[in-house]
Amino acid sequence: MTRRTARSQPIPPAEVEYLNSLEINALIPRVSALYKAGWALQAIGDCLDPRRPKSTVRSWVVKAAEVESPEVVDAPIVPSPKHKTTPEGYQKRRPTSPGIQEDTFDEIRSLAPLARSYRAKMTQTSSAAVANRRLTDICTKLHENGVGIRELAEAAGVTYRAMYKRIKL
């Protein structure tokens, strides 16, 4: 069974009221049913009184098969969340990266080793300082146009954190 999570959607008020009226033996299977219907663990935990952490809700979902569920005749149908989907399926939160063109990729690859040797006390006209400034300009412009930090870091052969500092500072 493919499960898609309902991101940033609160549990409906009627369901919240129903959940908070249940005893623990009836609550655990109901929480499991909500989770299987697509509700996020955080949303389920937040609606309970007292509020429960995601780890507790997750343990209930895992445990649900072991607990005997009492017959509840008036139990409402588990509501399904509204998924942010298209006919093709799940929509990504982040837009797709436009990518790095071949010539720009090669330039980043060649500037990176020289830029790594740059130190603050070097003169601004040194080859390392020029390479550092040029690499920062290229990466900043690409990031503003939608290229991800991870993709830029891989092109330069550095860590994500190093590229993040170069772009954000």
N, C-alpha and C. Protein backbone atom coordinates (compact mmCIF):
# COMPACT_ATOMS: atom_id res chain seq x y z
N MET A 1 0.84 -1.18 0.00
CA MET A 1 0.00 0.00 0.00
C MET A 1 0.89 1.24 0.00
N THR A 2 0.67 2.14 -0.97
CA THR A 2 1.41 3.38 -1.03
C THR A 2 0.72 4.40 -0.15
N ARG A 3 1.48 5.01 0.73
CA ARG A 3 0.92 5.98 1.66
C ARG A 3 1.49 7.34 1.37
N ARG A 4 0.63 8.33 1.16
CA ARG A 4 1.07 9.71 0.97
C ARG A 4 0.60 10.51 2.16
N THR A 5 1.51 11.31 2.71
CA THR A 5 1.20 12.10 3.90
C THR A 5 0.51 13.39 3.53
N ALA A 6 -0.45 13.79 4.35
CA ALA A 6 -1.13 15.07 4.20
C ALA A 6 -0.32 16.11 4.95
N ARG A 7 0.57 16.78 4.23
CA ARG A 7 1.45 17.76 4.88
C ARG A 7 0.68 18.98 5.33
N SER A 8 0.99 19.44 6.52
CA SER A 8 0.46 20.71 7.07
C SER A 8 -1.06 20.77 7.10
N GLN A 9 -1.71 19.65 7.30
CA GLN A 9 -3.17 19.63 7.38
C GLN A 9 -3.58 19.18 8.78
N PRO A 10 -4.39 19.98 9.45
CA PRO A 10 -4.86 19.57 10.77
C PRO A 10 -5.97 18.54 10.66
N ILE A 11 -6.11 17.73 11.68
CA ILE A 11 -7.19 16.74 11.75
C ILE A 11 -8.51 17.52 11.86
N PRO A 12 -9.57 17.07 11.17
CA PRO A 12 -10.87 17.77 11.26
C PRO A 12 -11.37 17.85 12.71
N PRO A 13 -12.04 18.95 13.09
CA PRO A 13 -12.49 19.13 14.48
C PRO A 13 -13.36 17.99 15.01
N ALA A 14 -14.22 17.45 14.18
CA ALA A 14 -15.08 16.35 14.64
C ALA A 14 -14.24 15.13 15.00
N GLU A 15 -13.20 14.88 14.22
CA GLU A 15 -12.32 13.74 14.49
C GLU A 15 -11.49 13.99 15.75
N VAL A 16 -11.07 15.22 15.96
CA VAL A 16 -10.30 15.58 17.17
C VAL A 16 -11.15 15.30 18.41
N GLU A 17 -12.40 15.72 18.36
CA GLU A 17 -13.31 15.51 19.48
C GLU A 17 -13.51 14.01 19.73
N TYR A 18 -13.68 13.25 18.64
CA TYR A 18 -13.87 11.82 18.76
C TYR A 18 -12.62 11.15 19.35
N LEU A 19 -11.44 11.52 18.87
CA LEU A 19 -10.20 10.92 19.37
C LEU A 19 -10.02 11.16 20.86
N ASN A 20 -10.31 12.39 21.28
CA ASN A 20 -10.12 12.74 22.68
C ASN A 20 -11.15 12.10 23.60
N SER A 21 -12.21 11.53 23.03
CA SER A 21 -13.22 10.86 23.85
C SER A 21 -12.92 9.36 24.03
N LEU A 22 -11.96 8.85 23.28
CA LEU A 22 -11.66 7.41 23.31
C LEU A 22 -10.74 7.02 24.46
N GLU A 23 -10.93 5.79 24.93
CA GLU A 23 -10.00 5.18 25.89
C GLU A 23 -8.78 4.72 25.08
N ILE A 24 -7.68 4.46 25.75
CA ILE A 24 -6.42 4.11 25.08
C ILE A 24 -6.55 2.87 24.20
N ASN A 25 -7.34 1.87 24.63
CA ASN A 25 -7.48 0.64 23.83
C ASN A 25 -8.23 0.88 22.53
N ALA A 26 -9.09 1.87 22.49
CA ALA A 26 -9.79 2.21 21.25
C ALA A 26 -9.03 3.28 20.48
N LEU A 27 -8.25 4.08 21.19
CA LEU A 27 -7.51 5.17 20.56
C LEU A 27 -6.40 4.65 19.66
N ILE A 28 -5.68 3.64 20.11
CA ILE A 28 -4.54 3.13 19.35
C ILE A 28 -4.95 2.63 17.96
N PRO A 29 -6.00 1.80 17.81
CA PRO A 29 -6.39 1.38 16.46
C PRO A 29 -6.90 2.55 15.61
N ARG A 30 -7.55 3.52 16.25
CA ARG A 30 -8.05 4.68 15.51
C ARG A 30 -6.89 5.52 14.99
N VAL A 31 -5.88 5.71 15.81
CA VAL A 31 -4.69 6.46 15.39
C VAL A 31 -4.01 5.74 14.22
N SER A 32 -3.94 4.42 14.32
CA SER A 32 -3.35 3.63 13.24
C SER A 32 -4.14 3.80 11.94
N ALA A 33 -5.47 3.80 12.05
CA ALA A 33 -6.31 3.98 10.87
C ALA A 33 -6.11 5.37 10.25
N LEU A 34 -5.98 6.39 11.09
CA LEU A 34 -5.72 7.74 10.59
C LEU A 34 -4.38 7.80 9.86
N TYR A 35 -3.38 7.17 10.45
CA TYR A 35 -2.05 7.17 9.84
C TYR A 35 -2.08 6.47 8.49
N LYS A 36 -2.76 5.32 8.43
CA LYS A 36 -2.85 4.58 7.17
C LYS A 36 -3.65 5.34 6.12
N ALA A 37 -4.57 6.20 6.57
CA ALA A 37 -5.36 7.00 5.64
C ALA A 37 -4.55 8.17 5.08
N GLY A 38 -3.39 8.45 5.68
CA GLY A 38 -2.53 9.50 5.14
C GLY A 38 -2.26 10.67 6.06
N TRP A 39 -2.80 10.65 7.26
CA TRP A 39 -2.56 11.76 8.19
C TRP A 39 -1.16 11.67 8.76
N ALA A 40 -0.51 12.81 8.96
CA ALA A 40 0.85 12.86 9.49
C ALA A 40 0.85 12.54 10.98
N LEU A 41 1.92 11.88 11.44
CA LEU A 41 2.05 11.56 12.86
C LEU A 41 1.99 12.83 13.71
N GLN A 42 2.62 13.90 13.23
CA GLN A 42 2.64 15.17 13.96
C GLN A 42 1.23 15.71 14.12
N ALA A 43 0.42 15.67 13.05
CA ALA A 43 -0.94 16.18 13.11
C ALA A 43 -1.79 15.38 14.09
N ILE A 44 -1.58 14.07 14.11
CA ILE A 44 -2.33 13.22 15.03
C ILE A 44 -1.94 13.53 16.47
N GLY A 45 -0.65 13.61 16.73
CA GLY A 45 -0.17 13.88 18.08
C GLY A 45 -0.58 15.26 18.58
N ASP A 46 -0.58 16.25 17.69
CA ASP A 46 -0.94 17.62 18.07
C ASP A 46 -2.41 17.76 18.45
N CYS A 47 -3.28 16.94 17.87
CA CYS A 47 -4.71 17.09 18.14
C CYS A 47 -5.15 16.41 19.44
N LEU A 48 -4.29 15.58 20.00
CA LEU A 48 -4.65 14.88 21.23
C LEU A 48 -4.49 15.77 22.46
N ASP A 49 -5.30 15.50 23.47
CA ASP A 49 -5.23 16.25 24.72
C ASP A 49 -4.95 15.28 25.85
N PRO A 50 -3.80 15.22 26.46
CA PRO A 50 -2.65 16.09 26.22
C PRO A 50 -1.94 15.72 24.92
N ARG A 51 -1.22 16.70 24.38
CA ARG A 51 -0.50 16.53 23.12
C ARG A 51 0.52 15.41 23.26
N ARG A 52 0.67 14.58 22.22
CA ARG A 52 1.62 13.46 22.24
C ARG A 52 2.69 13.69 21.17
N PRO A 53 3.94 13.31 21.46
CA PRO A 53 5.00 13.46 20.46
C PRO A 53 4.85 12.45 19.33
N LYS A 54 5.49 12.73 18.21
CA LYS A 54 5.43 11.84 17.06
C LYS A 54 5.91 10.44 17.41
N SER A 55 6.92 10.34 18.25
CA SER A 55 7.47 9.02 18.59
C SER A 55 6.43 8.15 19.29
N THR A 56 5.62 8.77 20.14
CA THR A 56 4.56 8.03 20.83
C THR A 56 3.50 7.57 19.84
N VAL A 57 3.09 8.47 18.97
CA VAL A 57 2.08 8.13 17.97
C VAL A 57 2.60 7.02 17.06
N ARG A 58 3.86 7.11 16.66
CA ARG A 58 4.47 6.07 15.81
C ARG A 58 4.46 4.72 16.53
N SER A 59 4.77 4.72 17.82
CA SER A 59 4.77 3.45 18.55
C SER A 59 3.36 2.86 18.61
N TRP A 60 2.34 3.72 18.69
CA TRP A 60 0.96 3.23 18.68
C TRP A 60 0.61 2.61 17.34
N VAL A 61 1.07 3.21 16.26
CA VAL A 61 0.79 2.68 14.92
C VAL A 61 1.42 1.29 14.78
N VAL A 62 2.64 1.14 15.26
CA VAL A 62 3.33 -0.15 15.20
C VAL A 62 2.63 -1.18 16.08
N LYS A 63 2.16 -0.71 17.23
CA LYS A 63 1.53 -1.59 18.22
C LYS A 63 0.09 -1.96 17.86
N ALA A 64 -0.54 -1.24 16.96
CA ALA A 64 -1.97 -1.39 16.66
C ALA A 64 -2.37 -2.82 16.30
N ALA A 65 -1.49 -3.54 15.63
CA ALA A 65 -1.82 -4.91 15.24
C ALA A 65 -1.93 -5.83 16.46
N GLU A 66 -1.23 -5.49 17.54
CA GLU A 66 -1.22 -6.34 18.73
C GLU A 66 -2.40 -6.08 19.66
N VAL A 67 -2.97 -4.87 19.60
CA VAL A 67 -4.04 -4.49 20.53
C VAL A 67 -5.38 -4.94 19.97
N GLU A 68 -6.20 -5.53 20.85
CA GLU A 68 -7.54 -5.93 20.44
C GLU A 68 -8.43 -4.70 20.39
N SER A 69 -9.04 -4.48 19.26
CA SER A 69 -9.90 -3.32 19.08
C SER A 69 -11.33 -3.64 19.52
N PRO A 70 -11.89 -2.87 20.46
CA PRO A 70 -13.28 -3.11 20.84
C PRO A 70 -14.21 -2.68 19.72
N GLU A 71 -15.34 -3.31 19.64
CA GLU A 71 -16.32 -2.96 18.62
C GLU A 71 -16.98 -1.62 18.98
N VAL A 72 -16.80 -0.64 18.14
CA VAL A 72 -17.42 0.66 18.35
C VAL A 72 -18.40 0.87 17.20
N VAL A 73 -19.68 0.82 17.52
CA VAL A 73 -20.72 0.88 16.50
C VAL A 73 -20.83 2.27 15.89
N ASP A 74 -20.73 3.32 16.71
CA ASP A 74 -20.94 4.67 16.22
C ASP A 74 -19.65 5.34 15.76
N ALA A 75 -18.62 4.59 15.50
CA ALA A 75 -17.36 5.19 15.08
C ALA A 75 -17.49 5.81 13.69
N PRO A 76 -17.14 7.10 13.58
CA PRO A 76 -17.21 7.72 12.26
C PRO A 76 -16.14 7.14 11.33
N ILE A 77 -16.37 7.27 10.04
CA ILE A 77 -15.41 6.79 9.05
C ILE A 77 -14.15 7.65 9.14
N VAL A 78 -13.01 7.01 9.03
CA VAL A 78 -11.74 7.74 9.10
C VAL A 78 -11.67 8.70 7.92
N PRO A 79 -11.52 10.01 8.19
CA PRO A 79 -11.47 10.96 7.09
C PRO A 79 -10.16 10.86 6.33
N SER A 80 -10.22 11.04 5.04
CA SER A 80 -9.01 11.05 4.23
C SER A 80 -8.56 12.49 4.03
N PRO A 81 -7.27 12.74 4.14
CA PRO A 81 -6.78 14.10 3.93
C PRO A 81 -6.82 14.47 2.45
N LYS A 82 -6.75 15.76 2.18
CA LYS A 82 -6.68 16.23 0.79
C LYS A 82 -5.22 16.27 0.40
N HIS A 83 -4.83 15.37 -0.50
CA HIS A 83 -3.44 15.29 -0.93
C HIS A 83 -3.17 16.32 -2.01
N LYS A 84 -1.96 16.87 -1.96
CA LYS A 84 -1.53 17.81 -2.98
C LYS A 84 -0.95 16.99 -4.12
N THR A 85 -1.86 16.49 -4.95
CA THR A 85 -1.41 15.60 -6.02
C THR A 85 -1.96 16.01 -7.36
N THR A 86 -1.36 15.45 -8.37
CA THR A 86 -1.84 15.59 -9.74
C THR A 86 -2.15 14.17 -10.20
N PRO A 87 -2.74 14.01 -11.38
CA PRO A 87 -2.97 12.64 -11.85
C PRO A 87 -1.68 11.82 -11.94
N GLU A 88 -0.53 12.47 -12.11
CA GLU A 88 0.74 11.73 -12.18
C GLU A 88 1.23 11.31 -10.80
N GLY A 89 0.69 11.90 -9.74
CA GLY A 89 1.10 11.52 -8.40
C GLY A 89 1.51 12.69 -7.55
N TYR A 90 2.38 12.43 -6.62
CA TYR A 90 2.78 13.38 -5.59
C TYR A 90 3.53 14.58 -6.15
N GLN A 91 3.21 15.77 -5.68
CA GLN A 91 3.93 16.96 -6.11
C GLN A 91 5.10 17.21 -5.17
N LYS A 92 6.23 17.55 -5.74
CA LYS A 92 7.41 17.85 -4.93
C LYS A 92 7.26 19.24 -4.32
N ARG A 93 7.86 19.44 -3.17
CA ARG A 93 7.85 20.74 -2.53
C ARG A 93 8.81 21.69 -3.23
N ARG A 94 9.96 21.19 -3.58
CA ARG A 94 10.97 22.01 -4.24
C ARG A 94 10.82 21.91 -5.75
N PRO A 95 11.01 23.03 -6.43
CA PRO A 95 10.98 22.95 -7.89
C PRO A 95 12.21 22.20 -8.40
N THR A 96 12.10 21.65 -9.58
CA THR A 96 13.21 20.91 -10.16
C THR A 96 14.32 21.88 -10.55
N SER A 97 15.54 21.50 -10.28
CA SER A 97 16.70 22.33 -10.60
C SER A 97 16.88 22.44 -12.11
N PRO A 98 17.20 23.64 -12.61
CA PRO A 98 17.45 23.77 -14.04
C PRO A 98 18.77 23.12 -14.45
N GLY A 99 19.61 22.79 -13.48
CA GLY A 99 20.89 22.14 -13.77
C GLY A 99 21.98 23.15 -14.05
N ILE A 100 23.18 22.64 -14.19
CA ILE A 100 24.35 23.47 -14.47
C ILE A 100 24.81 23.15 -15.88
N GLN A 101 24.97 24.18 -16.69
CA GLN A 101 25.43 23.96 -18.06
C GLN A 101 26.86 23.43 -18.05
N GLU A 102 27.21 22.71 -19.10
CA GLU A 102 28.52 22.03 -19.20
C GLU A 102 29.69 22.99 -19.02
N ASP A 103 29.67 24.13 -19.72
CA ASP A 103 30.80 25.06 -19.64
C ASP A 103 30.91 25.68 -18.24
N THR A 104 29.77 25.99 -17.62
CA THR A 104 29.77 26.53 -16.26
C THR A 104 30.24 25.47 -15.27
N PHE A 105 29.83 24.23 -15.48
CA PHE A 105 30.25 23.12 -14.63
C PHE A 105 31.78 22.99 -14.69
N ASP A 106 32.33 23.04 -15.89
CA ASP A 106 33.79 22.92 -16.05
C ASP A 106 34.51 24.09 -15.38
N GLU A 107 33.93 25.30 -15.48
CA GLU A 107 34.54 26.47 -14.85
C GLU A 107 34.54 26.33 -13.33
N ILE A 108 33.43 25.87 -12.77
CA ILE A 108 33.35 25.65 -11.32
C ILE A 108 34.38 24.62 -10.90
N ARG A 109 34.46 23.54 -11.66
CA ARG A 109 35.40 22.45 -11.37
C ARG A 109 36.85 22.94 -11.39
N SER A 110 37.18 23.85 -12.31
CA SER A 110 38.56 24.34 -12.40
C SER A 110 38.86 25.43 -11.37
N LEU A 111 37.86 26.24 -11.00
CA LEU A 111 38.08 27.32 -10.03
C LEU A 111 38.15 26.82 -8.59
N ALA A 112 37.45 25.75 -8.28
CA ALA A 112 37.31 25.27 -6.90
C ALA A 112 38.63 24.98 -6.20
N PRO A 113 39.57 24.23 -6.81
CA PRO A 113 40.82 23.96 -6.09
C PRO A 113 41.63 25.23 -5.78
N LEU A 114 41.64 26.16 -6.72
CA LEU A 114 42.37 27.40 -6.50
C LEU A 114 41.68 28.26 -5.45
N ALA A 115 40.34 28.30 -5.47
CA ALA A 115 39.57 29.09 -4.50
C ALA A 115 39.75 28.53 -3.09
N ARG A 116 39.95 27.22 -2.97
CA ARG A 116 40.15 26.61 -1.65
C ARG A 116 41.44 27.08 -0.99
N SER A 117 42.41 27.48 -1.80
CA SER A 117 43.69 27.92 -1.23
C SER A 117 43.66 29.40 -0.81
N TYR A 118 42.57 30.08 -1.09
CA TYR A 118 42.45 31.49 -0.73
C TYR A 118 42.42 31.68 0.78
N ARG A 119 43.15 32.70 1.26
CA ARG A 119 43.13 33.10 2.65
C ARG A 119 42.87 34.60 2.72
N ALA A 120 42.26 35.08 3.77
CA ALA A 120 41.84 36.48 3.90
C ALA A 120 43.01 37.47 3.80
N LYS A 121 44.20 37.08 4.23
CA LYS A 121 45.32 38.01 4.21
C LYS A 121 46.00 38.11 2.85
N MET A 122 45.52 37.35 1.85
CA MET A 122 46.09 37.43 0.50
C MET A 122 45.66 38.74 -0.16
N THR A 123 46.45 39.19 -1.09
CA THR A 123 46.06 40.41 -1.83
C THR A 123 44.87 40.10 -2.72
N GLN A 124 44.08 41.10 -2.99
CA GLN A 124 42.86 40.92 -3.78
C GLN A 124 43.15 40.60 -5.25
N THR A 125 44.39 40.82 -5.67
CA THR A 125 44.74 40.54 -7.07
C THR A 125 45.40 39.18 -7.24
N SER A 126 45.60 38.46 -6.14
CA SER A 126 46.21 37.13 -6.25
C SER A 126 45.27 36.20 -7.00
N SER A 127 45.86 35.18 -7.62
CA SER A 127 45.04 34.25 -8.42
C SER A 127 44.01 33.52 -7.55
N ALA A 128 44.37 33.19 -6.31
CA ALA A 128 43.43 32.51 -5.43
C ALA A 128 42.27 33.42 -5.05
N ALA A 129 42.53 34.71 -4.80
CA ALA A 129 41.48 35.66 -4.44
C ALA A 129 40.52 35.88 -5.61
N VAL A 130 41.09 36.00 -6.80
CA VAL A 130 40.25 36.20 -8.00
C VAL A 130 39.39 34.96 -8.24
N ALA A 131 40.00 33.78 -8.12
CA ALA A 131 39.26 32.52 -8.31
C ALA A 131 38.15 32.39 -7.27
N ASN A 132 38.45 32.74 -6.03
CA ASN A 132 37.46 32.67 -4.95
C ASN A 132 36.27 33.58 -5.23
N ARG A 133 36.56 34.82 -5.61
CA ARG A 133 35.50 35.79 -5.91
C ARG A 133 34.66 35.32 -7.11
N ARG A 134 35.33 34.84 -8.16
CA ARG A 134 34.63 34.37 -9.37
C ARG A 134 33.74 33.16 -9.05
N LEU A 135 34.27 32.22 -8.27
CA LEU A 135 33.49 31.03 -7.90
C LEU A 135 32.27 31.42 -7.07
N THR A 136 32.45 32.34 -6.14
CA THR A 136 31.33 32.80 -5.32
C THR A 136 30.26 33.46 -6.19
N ASP A 137 30.67 34.30 -7.14
CA ASP A 137 29.72 34.97 -8.03
C ASP A 137 28.93 33.97 -8.87
N ILE A 138 29.64 33.00 -9.44
CA ILE A 138 28.98 31.98 -10.28
C ILE A 138 27.98 31.18 -9.46
N CYS A 139 28.42 30.69 -8.31
CA CYS A 139 27.55 29.84 -7.48
C CYS A 139 26.35 30.62 -6.94
N THR A 140 26.56 31.87 -6.54
CA THR A 140 25.45 32.68 -6.04
C THR A 140 24.41 32.91 -7.13
N LYS A 141 24.87 33.23 -8.33
CA LYS A 141 23.95 33.48 -9.45
C LYS A 141 23.17 32.20 -9.80
N LEU A 142 23.87 31.07 -9.85
CA LEU A 142 23.19 29.80 -10.15
C LEU A 142 22.15 29.47 -9.07
N HIS A 143 22.51 29.68 -7.81
CA HIS A 143 21.58 29.38 -6.72
C HIS A 143 20.34 30.28 -6.81
N GLU A 144 20.52 31.54 -7.16
CA GLU A 144 19.39 32.45 -7.31
C GLU A 144 18.47 32.01 -8.45
N ASN A 145 19.04 31.30 -9.43
CA ASN A 145 18.25 30.81 -10.57
C ASN A 145 17.68 29.41 -10.35
N GLY A 146 17.80 28.90 -9.11
CA GLY A 146 17.13 27.64 -8.78
C GLY A 146 17.99 26.41 -8.68
N VAL A 147 19.30 26.52 -8.86
CA VAL A 147 20.17 25.36 -8.73
C VAL A 147 20.40 25.11 -7.24
N GLY A 148 20.29 23.89 -6.81
CA GLY A 148 20.41 23.54 -5.40
C GLY A 148 21.84 23.60 -4.88
N ILE A 149 21.97 23.82 -3.59
CA ILE A 149 23.29 23.90 -2.96
C ILE A 149 24.01 22.57 -3.08
N ARG A 150 23.30 21.47 -2.94
CA ARG A 150 23.93 20.15 -3.04
C ARG A 150 24.54 19.95 -4.43
N GLU A 151 23.82 20.35 -5.46
CA GLU A 151 24.32 20.20 -6.82
C GLU A 151 25.56 21.07 -7.04
N LEU A 152 25.56 22.28 -6.50
CA LEU A 152 26.72 23.16 -6.62
C LEU A 152 27.91 22.60 -5.85
N ALA A 153 27.65 22.05 -4.67
CA ALA A 153 28.73 21.47 -3.86
C ALA A 153 29.37 20.29 -4.58
N GLU A 154 28.56 19.46 -5.21
CA GLU A 154 29.10 18.32 -5.95
C GLU A 154 29.93 18.77 -7.14
N ALA A 155 29.49 19.83 -7.81
CA ALA A 155 30.24 20.36 -8.95
C ALA A 155 31.59 20.90 -8.52
N ALA A 156 31.64 21.54 -7.35
CA ALA A 156 32.89 22.12 -6.86
C ALA A 156 33.74 21.11 -6.10
N GLY A 157 33.17 19.98 -5.76
CA GLY A 157 33.92 18.97 -5.02
C GLY A 157 34.12 19.35 -3.56
N VAL A 158 33.13 20.05 -2.98
CA VAL A 158 33.20 20.46 -1.57
C VAL A 158 31.98 19.93 -0.85
N THR A 159 31.94 20.14 0.46
CA THR A 159 30.80 19.69 1.24
C THR A 159 29.62 20.65 1.07
N TYR A 160 28.45 20.16 1.43
CA TYR A 160 27.24 21.00 1.39
C TYR A 160 27.44 22.23 2.26
N ARG A 161 27.99 22.02 3.45
CA ARG A 161 28.18 23.12 4.40
C ARG A 161 29.12 24.19 3.85
N ALA A 162 30.19 23.78 3.19
CA ALA A 162 31.14 24.74 2.61
C ALA A 162 30.46 25.59 1.53
N MET A 163 29.64 24.93 0.70
CA MET A 163 28.95 25.68 -0.36
C MET A 163 27.88 26.58 0.23
N TYR A 164 27.19 26.11 1.25
CA TYR A 164 26.18 26.93 1.92
C TYR A 164 26.81 28.21 2.46
N LYS A 165 27.97 28.09 3.12
CA LYS A 165 28.66 29.26 3.65
C LYS A 165 29.09 30.20 2.53
N ARG A 166 29.54 29.66 1.43
CA ARG A 166 29.97 30.49 0.30
C ARG A 166 28.80 31.29 -0.26
N ILE A 167 27.64 30.68 -0.36
CA ILE A 167 26.48 31.34 -0.97
C ILE A 167 25.78 32.27 0.01
N LYS A 168 25.60 31.84 1.22
CA LYS A 168 24.79 32.59 2.18
C LYS A 168 25.55 33.70 2.89
N LEU A 169 26.86 33.67 2.91
CA LEU A 169 27.63 34.69 3.63
C LEU A 169 28.17 35.76 2.73
